[in-house]
Amino acid sequence: KVEIQKQLYERIAISMGINDWDFNMILNPKESFETPEI
């Protein structure tokens, strides 16, 4: 997912990464999760 967001006063914000649609990740104690690189 890439989301381009424009408001009247702020800089344009562009977020990138795994799509949050239907996404879920359960971390048990001491586990970790690494996102893909952008």
Full PDB file with SEQRES, HELIX, SHEET, SSBOND, CRYST1, ORIGX, SCALE, CONECT and MASTER records, all heavy atoms in Angstrom:
SEQRES   1 A   38  LYS VAL GLU ILE GLN LYS GLN LEU TYR GLU ARG ILE ALA          
SEQRES   2 A   38  ILE SER MET GLY ILE ASN ASP TRP ASP PHE ASN MET ILE          
SEQRES   3 A   38  LEU ASN PRO LYS GLU SER PHE GLU THR PRO GLU ILE              
SHEET    1 AA1 2 VAL A   2  GLN A   5  0                                        
SHEET    2 AA1 2 ALA A  13  MET A  16 -1                                        
CRYST1    1.000    1.000    1.000  90.00  90.00  90.00 P 1           1          
ORIGX1      1.000000  0.000000  0.000000        0.00000                         
ORIGX2      0.000000  1.000000  0.000000        0.00000                         
ORIGX3      0.000000  0.000000  1.000000        0.00000                         
SCALE1      1.000000  0.000000  0.000000        0.00000                         
SCALE2      0.000000  1.000000  0.000000        0.00000                         
SCALE3      0.000000  0.000000  1.000000        0.00000                         
ATOM      1  N   LYS A   1       0.837  -1.200   0.000  1.00  0.00           N  
ATOM      2  CA  LYS A   1       0.000   0.000   0.000  1.00  0.00           C  
ATOM      3  C   LYS A   1       0.873   1.251   0.000  1.00  0.00           C  
ATOM      4  O   LYS A   1       1.849   1.341   0.738  1.00  0.00           O  
ATOM      5  CB  LYS A   1      -0.912   0.010   1.235  1.00  0.00           C  
ATOM      6  CG  LYS A   1      -1.922   1.160   1.292  1.00  0.00           C  
ATOM      7  CD  LYS A   1      -2.801   0.997   2.526  1.00  0.00           C  
ATOM      8  CE  LYS A   1      -3.883   2.057   2.617  1.00  0.00           C  
ATOM      9  NZ  LYS A   1      -4.719   1.875   3.829  1.00  0.00           N  
ATOM     10  N   VAL A   2       0.502   2.198  -0.859  1.00  0.00           N  
ATOM     11  CA  VAL A   2       1.073   3.548  -0.847  1.00  0.00           C  
ATOM     12  C   VAL A   2      -0.087   4.505  -0.676  1.00  0.00           C  
ATOM     13  O   VAL A   2      -1.063   4.458  -1.439  1.00  0.00           O  
ATOM     14  CB  VAL A   2       1.821   3.870  -2.159  1.00  0.00           C  
ATOM     15  CG1 VAL A   2       2.264   5.330  -2.167  1.00  0.00           C  
ATOM     16  CG2 VAL A   2       3.016   2.951  -2.347  1.00  0.00           C  
ATOM     17  N   GLU A   3      -0.013   5.363   0.324  1.00  0.00           N  
ATOM     18  CA  GLU A   3      -1.070   6.350   0.551  1.00  0.00           C  
ATOM     19  C   GLU A   3      -0.484   7.746   0.473  1.00  0.00           C  
ATOM     20  O   GLU A   3       0.458   8.079   1.198  1.00  0.00           O  
ATOM     21  CB  GLU A   3      -1.752   6.139   1.890  1.00  0.00           C  
ATOM     22  CG  GLU A   3      -2.883   7.127   2.120  1.00  0.00           C  
ATOM     23  CD  GLU A   3      -3.798   6.721   3.268  1.00  0.00           C  
ATOM     24  OE1 GLU A   3      -4.280   5.574   3.267  1.00  0.00           O  
ATOM     25  OE2 GLU A   3      -4.023   7.560   4.147  1.00  0.00           O  
ATOM     26  N   ILE A   4      -1.036   8.556  -0.432  1.00  0.00           N  
ATOM     27  CA  ILE A   4      -0.598   9.937  -0.614  1.00  0.00           C  
ATOM     28  C   ILE A   4      -1.645  10.837   0.020  1.00  0.00           C  
ATOM     29  O   ILE A   4      -2.816  10.817  -0.375  1.00  0.00           O  
ATOM     30  CB  ILE A   4      -0.430  10.280  -2.107  1.00  0.00           C  
ATOM     31  CG1 ILE A   4       0.591   9.350  -2.759  1.00  0.00           C  
ATOM     32  CG2 ILE A   4      -0.017  11.734  -2.282  1.00  0.00           C  
ATOM     33  CD1 ILE A   4      -0.009   8.171  -3.482  1.00  0.00           C  
ATOM     34  N   GLN A   5      -1.243  11.632   0.993  1.00  0.00           N  
ATOM     35  CA  GLN A   5      -2.190  12.446   1.751  1.00  0.00           C  
ATOM     36  C   GLN A   5      -1.806  13.916   1.661  1.00  0.00           C  
ATOM     37  O   GLN A   5      -0.669  14.298   1.956  1.00  0.00           O  
ATOM     38  CB  GLN A   5      -2.221  12.008   3.212  1.00  0.00           C  
ATOM     39  CG  GLN A   5      -3.186  12.809   4.078  1.00  0.00           C  
ATOM     40  CD  GLN A   5      -3.171  12.352   5.522  1.00  0.00           C  
ATOM     41  OE1 GLN A   5      -2.614  11.315   5.851  1.00  0.00           O  
ATOM     42  NE2 GLN A   5      -3.780  13.136   6.393  1.00  0.00           N  
ATOM     43  N   LYS A   6      -2.765  14.731   1.250  1.00  0.00           N  
ATOM     44  CA  LYS A   6      -2.528  16.172   1.173  1.00  0.00           C  
ATOM     45  C   LYS A   6      -3.562  16.907   2.014  1.00  0.00           C  
ATOM     46  O   LYS A   6      -4.753  16.645   1.923  1.00  0.00           O  
ATOM     47  CB  LYS A   6      -2.602  16.662  -0.279  1.00  0.00           C  
ATOM     48  CG  LYS A   6      -2.381  18.164  -0.439  1.00  0.00           C  
ATOM     49  CD  LYS A   6      -2.422  18.594  -1.892  1.00  0.00           C  
ATOM     50  CE  LYS A   6      -2.246  20.102  -2.027  1.00  0.00           C  
ATOM     51  NZ  LYS A   6      -2.270  20.540  -3.443  1.00  0.00           N  
ATOM     52  N   GLN A   7      -3.063  17.827   2.859  1.00  0.00           N  
ATOM     53  CA  GLN A   7      -3.911  18.726   3.620  1.00  0.00           C  
ATOM     54  C   GLN A   7      -3.576  20.157   3.223  1.00  0.00           C  
ATOM     55  O   GLN A   7      -2.615  20.399   2.492  1.00  0.00           O  
ATOM     56  CB  GLN A   7      -3.695  18.514   5.124  1.00  0.00           C  
ATOM     57  CG  GLN A   7      -4.056  17.111   5.574  1.00  0.00           C  
ATOM     58  CD  GLN A   7      -3.727  16.841   7.032  1.00  0.00           C  
ATOM     59  OE1 GLN A   7      -3.934  15.744   7.507  1.00  0.00           O  
ATOM     60  NE2 GLN A   7      -3.190  17.819   7.740  1.00  0.00           N  
ATOM     61  N   LEU A   8      -4.358  21.100   3.696  1.00  0.00           N  
ATOM     62  CA  LEU A   8      -4.167  22.484   3.269  1.00  0.00           C  
ATOM     63  C   LEU A   8      -2.811  23.047   3.679  1.00  0.00           C  
ATOM     64  O   LEU A   8      -2.167  23.739   2.911  1.00  0.00           O  
ATOM     65  CB  LEU A   8      -5.286  23.364   3.848  1.00  0.00           C  
ATOM     66  CG  LEU A   8      -6.606  23.379   3.068  1.00  0.00           C  
ATOM     67  CD1 LEU A   8      -7.644  24.193   3.810  1.00  0.00           C  
ATOM     68  CD2 LEU A   8      -6.387  23.963   1.671  1.00  0.00           C  
ATOM     69  N   TYR A   9      -2.366  22.744   4.888  1.00  0.00           N  
ATOM     70  CA  TYR A   9      -1.207  23.443   5.424  1.00  0.00           C  
ATOM     71  C   TYR A   9       0.049  22.578   5.528  1.00  0.00           C  
ATOM     72  O   TYR A   9       1.155  23.088   5.497  1.00  0.00           O  
ATOM     73  CB  TYR A   9      -1.533  24.014   6.820  1.00  0.00           C  
ATOM     74  CG  TYR A   9      -2.668  24.991   6.794  1.00  0.00           C  
ATOM     75  CD1 TYR A   9      -3.918  24.643   7.274  1.00  0.00           C  
ATOM     76  CD2 TYR A   9      -2.486  26.263   6.262  1.00  0.00           C  
ATOM     77  CE1 TYR A   9      -4.970  25.549   7.246  1.00  0.00           C  
ATOM     78  CE2 TYR A   9      -3.534  27.172   6.219  1.00  0.00           C  
ATOM     79  CZ  TYR A   9      -4.771  26.811   6.720  1.00  0.00           C  
ATOM     80  OH  TYR A   9      -5.800  27.695   6.674  1.00  0.00           O  
ATOM     81  N   GLU A  10      -0.122  21.292   5.682  1.00  0.00           N  
ATOM     82  CA  GLU A  10       1.036  20.439   5.939  1.00  0.00           C  
ATOM     83  C   GLU A  10       1.735  20.025   4.652  1.00  0.00           C  
ATOM     84  O   GLU A  10       1.198  20.127   3.553  1.00  0.00           O  
ATOM     85  CB  GLU A  10       0.587  19.181   6.694  1.00  0.00           C  
ATOM     86  CG  GLU A  10      -0.126  19.465   7.988  1.00  0.00           C  
ATOM     87  CD  GLU A  10       0.630  20.447   8.864  1.00  0.00           C  
ATOM     88  OE1 GLU A  10       1.817  20.187   9.150  1.00  0.00           O  
ATOM     89  OE2 GLU A  10       0.045  21.479   9.237  1.00  0.00           O  
ATOM     90  N   ARG A  11       2.937  19.504   4.807  1.00  0.00           N  
ATOM     91  CA  ARG A  11       3.601  18.885   3.672  1.00  0.00           C  
ATOM     92  C   ARG A  11       2.817  17.643   3.239  1.00  0.00           C  
ATOM     93  O   ARG A  11       2.095  17.039   4.025  1.00  0.00           O  
ATOM     94  CB  ARG A  11       5.036  18.490   4.040  1.00  0.00           C  
ATOM     95  CG  ARG A  11       5.970  19.688   4.189  1.00  0.00           C  
ATOM     96  CD  ARG A  11       7.401  19.241   4.401  1.00  0.00           C  
ATOM     97  NE  ARG A  11       7.600  18.604   5.689  1.00  0.00           N  
ATOM     98  CZ  ARG A  11       8.689  17.907   6.021  1.00  0.00           C  
ATOM     99  NH1 ARG A  11       9.658  17.734   5.148  1.00  0.00           N  
ATOM    100  NH2 ARG A  11       8.808  17.372   7.223  1.00  0.00           N  
ATOM    101  N   ILE A  12       2.966  17.270   1.988  1.00  0.00           N  
ATOM    102  CA  ILE A  12       2.313  16.061   1.493  1.00  0.00           C  
ATOM    103  C   ILE A  12       2.979  14.855   2.153  1.00  0.00           C  
ATOM    104  O   ILE A  12       4.204  14.721   2.149  1.00  0.00           O  
ATOM    105  CB  ILE A  12       2.436  15.976  -0.039  1.00  0.00           C  
ATOM    106  CG1 ILE A  12       1.688  17.142  -0.690  1.00  0.00           C  
ATOM    107  CG2 ILE A  12       1.901  14.651  -0.551  1.00  0.00           C  
ATOM    108  CD1 ILE A  12       1.945  17.278  -2.182  1.00  0.00           C  
ATOM    109  N   ALA A  13       2.175  13.990   2.731  1.00  0.00           N  
ATOM    110  CA  ALA A  13       2.681  12.803   3.430  1.00  0.00           C  
ATOM    111  C   ALA A  13       2.426  11.568   2.574  1.00  0.00           C  
ATOM    112  O   ALA A  13       1.311  11.364   2.075  1.00  0.00           O  
ATOM    113  CB  ALA A  13       1.997  12.647   4.782  1.00  0.00           C  
ATOM    114  N   ILE A  14       3.443  10.732   2.401  1.00  0.00           N  
ATOM    115  CA  ILE A  14       3.323   9.519   1.602  1.00  0.00           C  
ATOM    116  C   ILE A  14       3.809   8.335   2.434  1.00  0.00           C  
ATOM    117  O   ILE A  14       4.986   8.250   2.782  1.00  0.00           O  
ATOM    118  CB  ILE A  14       4.128   9.624   0.292  1.00  0.00           C  
ATOM    119  CG1 ILE A  14       3.723  10.880  -0.477  1.00  0.00           C  
ATOM    120  CG2 ILE A  14       3.931   8.372  -0.553  1.00  0.00           C  
ATOM    121  CD1 ILE A  14       4.544  11.144  -1.720  1.00  0.00           C  
ATOM    122  N   SER A  15       2.875   7.435   2.764  1.00  0.00           N  
ATOM    123  CA  SER A  15       3.182   6.268   3.591  1.00  0.00           C  
ATOM    124  C   SER A  15       3.297   5.032   2.707  1.00  0.00           C  
ATOM    125  O   SER A  15       2.533   4.869   1.749  1.00  0.00           O  
ATOM    126  CB  SER A  15       2.090   6.044   4.643  1.00  0.00           C  
ATOM    127  OG  SER A  15       1.943   7.198   5.457  1.00  0.00           O  
ATOM    128  N   MET A  16       4.235   4.143   3.057  1.00  0.00           N  
ATOM    129  CA  MET A  16       4.523   2.983   2.213  1.00  0.00           C  
ATOM    130  C   MET A  16       4.757   1.744   3.061  1.00  0.00           C  
ATOM    131  O   MET A  16       5.337   1.826   4.143  1.00  0.00           O  
ATOM    132  CB  MET A  16       5.783   3.233   1.379  1.00  0.00           C  
ATOM    133  CG  MET A  16       5.706   4.389   0.415  1.00  0.00           C  
ATOM    134  SD  MET A  16       7.308   4.629  -0.414  1.00  0.00           S  
ATOM    135  CE  MET A  16       8.171   5.592   0.827  1.00  0.00           C  
ATOM    136  N   GLY A  17       4.334   0.591   2.514  1.00  0.00           N  
ATOM    137  CA  GLY A  17       4.655  -0.664   3.177  1.00  0.00           C  
ATOM    138  C   GLY A  17       3.632  -1.747   2.911  1.00  0.00           C  
ATOM    139  O   GLY A  17       2.859  -1.694   1.948  1.00  0.00           O  
ATOM    140  N   ILE A  18       3.609  -2.752   3.784  1.00  0.00           N  
ATOM    141  CA  ILE A  18       2.635  -3.833   3.690  1.00  0.00           C  
ATOM    142  C   ILE A  18       1.225  -3.269   3.823  1.00  0.00           C  
ATOM    143  O   ILE A  18       0.979  -2.357   4.620  1.00  0.00           O  
ATOM    144  CB  ILE A  18       2.890  -4.878   4.801  1.00  0.00           C  
ATOM    145  CG1 ILE A  18       4.162  -5.681   4.500  1.00  0.00           C  
ATOM    146  CG2 ILE A  18       1.718  -5.834   4.944  1.00  0.00           C  
ATOM    147  CD1 ILE A  18       4.503  -6.703   5.572  1.00  0.00           C  
ATOM    148  N   ASN A  19       0.311  -3.800   3.053  1.00  0.00           N  
ATOM    149  CA  ASN A  19      -1.079  -3.355   3.130  1.00  0.00           C  
ATOM    150  C   ASN A  19      -1.695  -3.815   4.452  1.00  0.00           C  
ATOM    151  O   ASN A  19      -1.577  -4.984   4.836  1.00  0.00           O  
ATOM    152  CB  ASN A  19      -1.878  -3.939   1.962  1.00  0.00           C  
ATOM    153  CG  ASN A  19      -3.150  -3.160   1.680  1.00  0.00           C  
ATOM    154  OD1 ASN A  19      -3.759  -2.597   2.582  1.00  0.00           O  
ATOM    155  ND2 ASN A  19      -3.546  -3.135   0.425  1.00  0.00           N  
ATOM    156  N   ASP A  20      -2.352  -2.880   5.146  1.00  0.00           N  
ATOM    157  CA  ASP A  20      -2.993  -3.231   6.411  1.00  0.00           C  
ATOM    158  C   ASP A  20      -4.335  -3.927   6.202  1.00  0.00           C  
ATOM    159  O   ASP A  20      -4.931  -4.426   7.163  1.00  0.00           O  
ATOM    160  CB  ASP A  20      -3.179  -1.985   7.283  1.00  0.00           C  
ATOM    161  CG  ASP A  20      -4.000  -0.903   6.593  1.00  0.00           C  
ATOM    162  OD1 ASP A  20      -3.927  -0.809   5.347  1.00  0.00           O  
ATOM    163  OD2 ASP A  20      -4.706  -0.151   7.282  1.00  0.00           O  
ATOM    164  N   TRP A  21      -4.810  -3.999   4.953  1.00  0.00           N  
ATOM    165  CA  TRP A  21      -6.072  -4.679   4.664  1.00  0.00           C  
ATOM    166  C   TRP A  21      -5.919  -6.175   4.935  1.00  0.00           C  
ATOM    167  O   TRP A  21      -5.037  -6.834   4.392  1.00  0.00           O  
ATOM    168  CB  TRP A  21      -6.473  -4.446   3.206  1.00  0.00           C  
ATOM    169  CG  TRP A  21      -7.678  -5.230   2.790  1.00  0.00           C  
ATOM    170  CD1 TRP A  21      -8.976  -4.901   3.004  1.00  0.00           C  
ATOM    171  CD2 TRP A  21      -7.686  -6.490   2.105  1.00  0.00           C  
ATOM    172  NE1 TRP A  21      -9.807  -5.871   2.500  1.00  0.00           N  
ATOM    173  CE2 TRP A  21      -9.032  -6.862   1.932  1.00  0.00           C  
ATOM    174  CE3 TRP A  21      -6.695  -7.333   1.623  1.00  0.00           C  
ATOM    175  CZ2 TRP A  21      -9.414  -8.044   1.300  1.00  0.00           C  
ATOM    176  CZ3 TRP A  21      -7.061  -8.511   0.994  1.00  0.00           C  
ATOM    177  CH2 TRP A  21      -8.408  -8.860   0.831  1.00  0.00           C  
ATOM    178  N   ASP A  22      -6.778  -6.714   5.796  1.00  0.00           N  
ATOM    179  CA  ASP A  22      -6.796  -8.140   6.136  1.00  0.00           C  
ATOM    180  C   ASP A  22      -5.458  -8.621   6.686  1.00  0.00           C  
ATOM    181  O   ASP A  22      -5.130  -9.806   6.622  1.00  0.00           O  
ATOM    182  CB  ASP A  22      -7.179  -8.976   4.908  1.00  0.00           C  
ATOM    183  CG  ASP A  22      -7.786 -10.322   5.297  1.00  0.00           C  
ATOM    184  OD1 ASP A  22      -8.537 -10.367   6.285  1.00  0.00           O  
ATOM    185  OD2 ASP A  22      -7.494 -11.332   4.615  1.00  0.00           O  
ATOM    186  N   PHE A  23      -4.681  -7.674   7.232  1.00  0.00           N  
ATOM    187  CA  PHE A  23      -3.355  -8.029   7.767  1.00  0.00           C  
ATOM    188  C   PHE A  23      -3.413  -8.182   9.272  1.00  0.00           C  
ATOM    189  O   PHE A  23      -4.116  -7.446   9.957  1.00  0.00           O  
ATOM    190  CB  PHE A  23      -2.342  -6.941   7.406  1.00  0.00           C  
ATOM    191  CG  PHE A  23      -1.001  -7.114   8.084  1.00  0.00           C  
ATOM    192  CD1 PHE A  23      -0.065  -8.005   7.579  1.00  0.00           C  
ATOM    193  CD2 PHE A  23      -0.681  -6.387   9.223  1.00  0.00           C  
ATOM    194  CE1 PHE A  23       1.169  -8.164   8.194  1.00  0.00           C  
ATOM    195  CE2 PHE A  23       0.551  -6.536   9.845  1.00  0.00           C  
ATOM    196  CZ  PHE A  23       1.478  -7.430   9.326  1.00  0.00           C  
ATOM    197  N   ASN A  24      -2.659  -9.121   9.756  1.00  0.00           N  
ATOM    198  CA  ASN A  24      -2.555  -9.339  11.188  1.00  0.00           C  
ATOM    199  C   ASN A  24      -1.270 -10.110  11.456  1.00  0.00           C  
ATOM    200  O   ASN A  24      -0.902 -10.993  10.682  1.00  0.00           O  
ATOM    201  CB  ASN A  24      -3.746 -10.159  11.690  1.00  0.00           C  
ATOM    202  CG  ASN A  24      -4.095  -9.830  13.128  1.00  0.00           C  
ATOM    203  OD1 ASN A  24      -4.641  -8.784  13.401  1.00  0.00           O  
ATOM    204  ND2 ASN A  24      -3.748 -10.726  14.017  1.00  0.00           N  
ATOM    205  N   MET A  25      -0.593  -9.776  12.546  1.00  0.00           N  
ATOM    206  CA  MET A  25       0.583 -10.539  12.947  1.00  0.00           C  
ATOM    207  C   MET A  25       0.590 -10.622  14.475  1.00  0.00           C  
ATOM    208  O   MET A  25       0.579  -9.594  15.159  1.00  0.00           O  
ATOM    209  CB  MET A  25       1.859  -9.859  12.442  1.00  0.00           C  
ATOM    210  CG  MET A  25       3.135 -10.634  12.702  1.00  0.00           C  
ATOM    211  SD  MET A  25       3.224 -12.248  11.882  1.00  0.00           S  
ATOM    212  CE  MET A  25       3.014 -11.787  10.172  1.00  0.00           C  
ATOM    213  N   ILE A  26       0.571 -11.843  15.000  1.00  0.00           N  
ATOM    214  CA  ILE A  26       0.599 -12.060  16.448  1.00  0.00           C  
ATOM    215  C   ILE A  26       2.038 -12.296  16.873  1.00  0.00           C  
ATOM    216  O   ILE A  26       2.702 -13.215  16.373  1.00  0.00           O  
ATOM    217  CB  ILE A  26      -0.265 -13.268  16.856  1.00  0.00           C  
ATOM    218  CG1 ILE A  26      -1.700 -13.111  16.336  1.00  0.00           C  
ATOM    219  CG2 ILE A  26      -0.241 -13.438  18.372  1.00  0.00           C  
ATOM    220  CD1 ILE A  26      -2.445 -11.935  16.903  1.00  0.00           C  
ATOM    221  N   LEU A  27       2.518 -11.456  17.786  1.00  0.00           N  
ATOM    222  CA  LEU A  27       3.862 -11.642  18.326  1.00  0.00           C  
ATOM    223  C   LEU A  27       3.761 -12.246  19.717  1.00  0.00           C  
ATOM    224  O   LEU A  27       3.206 -11.642  20.637  1.00  0.00           O  
ATOM    225  CB  LEU A  27       4.600 -10.303  18.420  1.00  0.00           C  
ATOM    226  CG  LEU A  27       5.145  -9.666  17.141  1.00  0.00           C  
ATOM    227  CD1 LEU A  27       6.050  -8.497  17.495  1.00  0.00           C  
ATOM    228  CD2 LEU A  27       5.887 -10.677  16.295  1.00  0.00           C  
ATOM    229  N   ASN A  28       4.285 -13.444  19.868  1.00  0.00           N  
ATOM    230  CA  ASN A  28       4.388 -14.050  21.192  1.00  0.00           C  
ATOM    231  C   ASN A  28       5.527 -13.394  21.956  1.00  0.00           C  
ATOM    232  O   ASN A  28       6.345 -12.672  21.377  1.00  0.00           O  
ATOM    233  CB  ASN A  28       4.622 -15.550  21.062  1.00  0.00           C  
ATOM    234  CG  ASN A  28       3.416 -16.265  20.475  1.00  0.00           C  
ATOM    235  OD1 ASN A  28       2.275 -15.990  20.852  1.00  0.00           O  
ATOM    236  ND2 ASN A  28       3.652 -17.173  19.541  1.00  0.00           N  
ATOM    237  N   PRO A  29       5.623 -13.630  23.265  1.00  0.00           N  
ATOM    238  CA  PRO A  29       6.726 -13.059  24.041  1.00  0.00           C  
ATOM    239  C   PRO A  29       8.081 -13.377  23.411  1.00  0.00           C  
ATOM    240  O   PRO A  29       8.325 -14.500  22.961  1.00  0.00           O  
ATOM    241  CB  PRO A  29       6.568 -13.725  25.409  1.00  0.00           C  
ATOM    242  CG  PRO A  29       5.103 -14.006  25.509  1.00  0.00           C  
ATOM    243  CD  PRO A  29       4.667 -14.363  24.122  1.00  0.00           C  
ATOM    244  N   LYS A  30       8.929 -12.353  23.325  1.00  0.00           N  
ATOM    245  CA  LYS A  30      10.307 -12.430  22.805  1.00  0.00           C  
ATOM    246  C   LYS A  30      10.379 -12.601  21.282  1.00  0.00           C  
ATOM    247  O   LYS A  30      11.470 -12.741  20.734  1.00  0.00           O  
ATOM    248  CB  LYS A  30      11.101 -13.557  23.483  1.00  0.00           C  
ATOM    249  CG  LYS A  30      11.019 -13.575  25.000  1.00  0.00           C  
ATOM    250  CD  LYS A  30      11.377 -12.225  25.597  1.00  0.00           C  
ATOM    251  CE  LYS A  30      11.211 -12.229  27.116  1.00  0.00           C  
ATOM    252  NZ  LYS A  30      11.435 -10.876  27.699  1.00  0.00           N  
ATOM    253  N   GLU A  31       9.243 -12.561  20.591  1.00  0.00           N  
ATOM    254  CA  GLU A  31       9.268 -12.643  19.132  1.00  0.00           C  
ATOM    255  C   GLU A  31       9.392 -11.246  18.526  1.00  0.00           C  
ATOM    256  O   GLU A  31       9.072 -10.243  19.163  1.00  0.00           O  
ATOM    257  CB  GLU A  31       8.002 -13.324  18.609  1.00  0.00           C  
ATOM    258  CG  GLU A  31       7.974 -14.821  18.839  1.00  0.00           C  
ATOM    259  CD  GLU A  31       6.765 -15.485  18.200  1.00  0.00           C  
ATOM    260  OE1 GLU A  31       5.789 -14.770  17.868  1.00  0.00           O  
ATOM    261  OE2 GLU A  31       6.793 -16.727  18.043  1.00  0.00           O  
ATOM    262  N   SER A  32       9.834 -11.210  17.259  1.00  0.00           N  
ATOM    263  CA  SER A  32       9.976  -9.938  16.566  1.00  0.00           C  
ATOM    264  C   SER A  32       9.409 -10.050  15.153  1.00  0.00           C  
ATOM    265  O   SER A  32       9.205 -11.150  14.631  1.00  0.00           O  
ATOM    266  CB  SER A  32      11.448  -9.512  16.503  1.00  0.00           C  
ATOM    267  OG  SER A  32      12.208 -10.454  15.755  1.00  0.00           O  
ATOM    268  N   PHE A  33       9.155  -8.903  14.557  1.00  0.00           N  
ATOM    269  CA  PHE A  33       8.645  -8.852  13.190  1.00  0.00           C  
ATOM    270  C   PHE A  33       9.358  -7.735  12.455  1.00  0.00           C  
ATOM    271  O   PHE A  33       9.466  -6.610  12.953  1.00  0.00           O  
ATOM    272  CB  PHE A  33       7.136  -8.593  13.178  1.00  0.00           C  
ATOM    273  CG  PHE A  33       6.558  -8.426  11.799  1.00  0.00           C  
ATOM    274  CD1 PHE A  33       6.341  -9.532  10.991  1.00  0.00           C  
ATOM    275  CD2 PHE A  33       6.257  -7.167  11.302  1.00  0.00           C  
ATOM    276  CE1 PHE A  33       5.819  -9.385   9.714  1.00  0.00           C  
ATOM    277  CE2 PHE A  33       5.731  -7.011  10.031  1.00  0.00           C  
ATOM    278  CZ  PHE A  33       5.511  -8.123   9.226  1.00  0.00           C  
ATOM    279  N   GLU A  34       9.850  -8.037  11.251  1.00  0.00           N  
ATOM    280  CA  GLU A  34      10.576  -7.056  10.449  1.00  0.00           C  
ATOM    281  C   GLU A  34       9.772  -6.707   9.208  1.00  0.00           C  
ATOM    282  O   GLU A  34       9.355  -7.593   8.457  1.00  0.00           O  
ATOM    283  CB  GLU A  34      11.942  -7.613  10.053  1.00  0.00           C  
ATOM    284  CG  GLU A  34      12.837  -6.626   9.321  1.00  0.00           C  
ATOM    285  CD  GLU A  34      14.223  -7.190   9.071  1.00  0.00           C  
ATOM    286  OE1 GLU A  34      15.030  -7.226  10.025  1.00  0.00           O  
ATOM    287  OE2 GLU A  34      14.488  -7.613   7.924  1.00  0.00           O  
ATOM    288  N   THR A  35       9.554  -5.443   8.988  1.00  0.00           N  
ATOM    289  CA  THR A  35       8.804  -5.007   7.810  1.00  0.00           C  
ATOM    290  C   THR A  35       9.703  -5.080   6.574  1.00  0.00           C  
ATOM    291  O   THR A  35      10.930  -5.048   6.676  1.00  0.00           O  
ATOM    292  CB  THR A  35       8.301  -3.566   7.967  1.00  0.00           C  
ATOM    293  OG1 THR A  35       9.420  -2.665   7.922  1.00  0.00           O  
ATOM    294  CG2 THR A  35       7.545  -3.387   9.262  1.00  0.00           C  
ATOM    295  N   PRO A  36       9.107  -5.155   5.388  1.00  0.00           N  
ATOM    296  CA  PRO A  36       9.919  -5.063   4.168  1.00  0.00           C  
ATOM    297  C   PRO A  36      10.564  -3.682   4.064  1.00  0.00           C  
ATOM    298  O   PRO A  36      10.074  -2.702   4.640  1.00  0.00           O  
ATOM    299  CB  PRO A  36       8.904  -5.260   3.039  1.00  0.00           C  
ATOM    300  CG  PRO A  36       7.676  -5.787   3.683  1.00  0.00           C  
ATOM    301  CD  PRO A  36       7.685  -5.312   5.091  1.00  0.00           C  
ATOM    302  N   GLU A  37      11.636  -3.616   3.315  1.00  0.00           N  
ATOM    303  CA  GLU A  37      12.270  -2.322   3.091  1.00  0.00           C  
ATOM    304  C   GLU A  37      11.475  -1.495   2.094  1.00  0.00           C  
ATOM    305  O   GLU A  37      10.863  -2.025   1.162  1.00  0.00           O  
ATOM    306  CB  GLU A  37      13.689  -2.505   2.534  1.00  0.00           C  
ATOM    307  CG  GLU A  37      14.687  -3.022   3.551  1.00  0.00           C  
ATOM    308  CD  GLU A  37      16.066  -3.206   2.941  1.00  0.00           C  
ATOM    309  OE1 GLU A  37      16.147  -3.407   1.705  1.00  0.00           O  
ATOM    310  OE2 GLU A  37      17.058  -3.157   3.683  1.00  0.00           O  
ATOM    311  N   ILE A  38      11.471  -0.189   2.328  1.00  0.00           N  
ATOM    312  CA  ILE A  38      11.048   0.752   1.302  1.00  0.00           C  
ATOM    313  C   ILE A  38      12.299   1.487   0.839  1.00  0.00           C  
ATOM    314  O   ILE A  38      13.315   1.548   1.543  1.00  0.00           O  
ATOM    315  CB  ILE A  38       9.988   1.747   1.806  1.00  0.00           C  
ATOM    316  CG1 ILE A  38      10.504   2.528   3.028  1.00  0.00           C  
ATOM    317  CG2 ILE A  38       8.690   1.031   2.122  1.00  0.00           C  
ATOM    318  CD1 ILE A  38       9.587   3.651   3.483  1.00  0.00           C  
TER     319      ILE A  38                                                      
MASTER        0    0    0    0    2    0    0    6  318    1    0    3          
END                                                                             
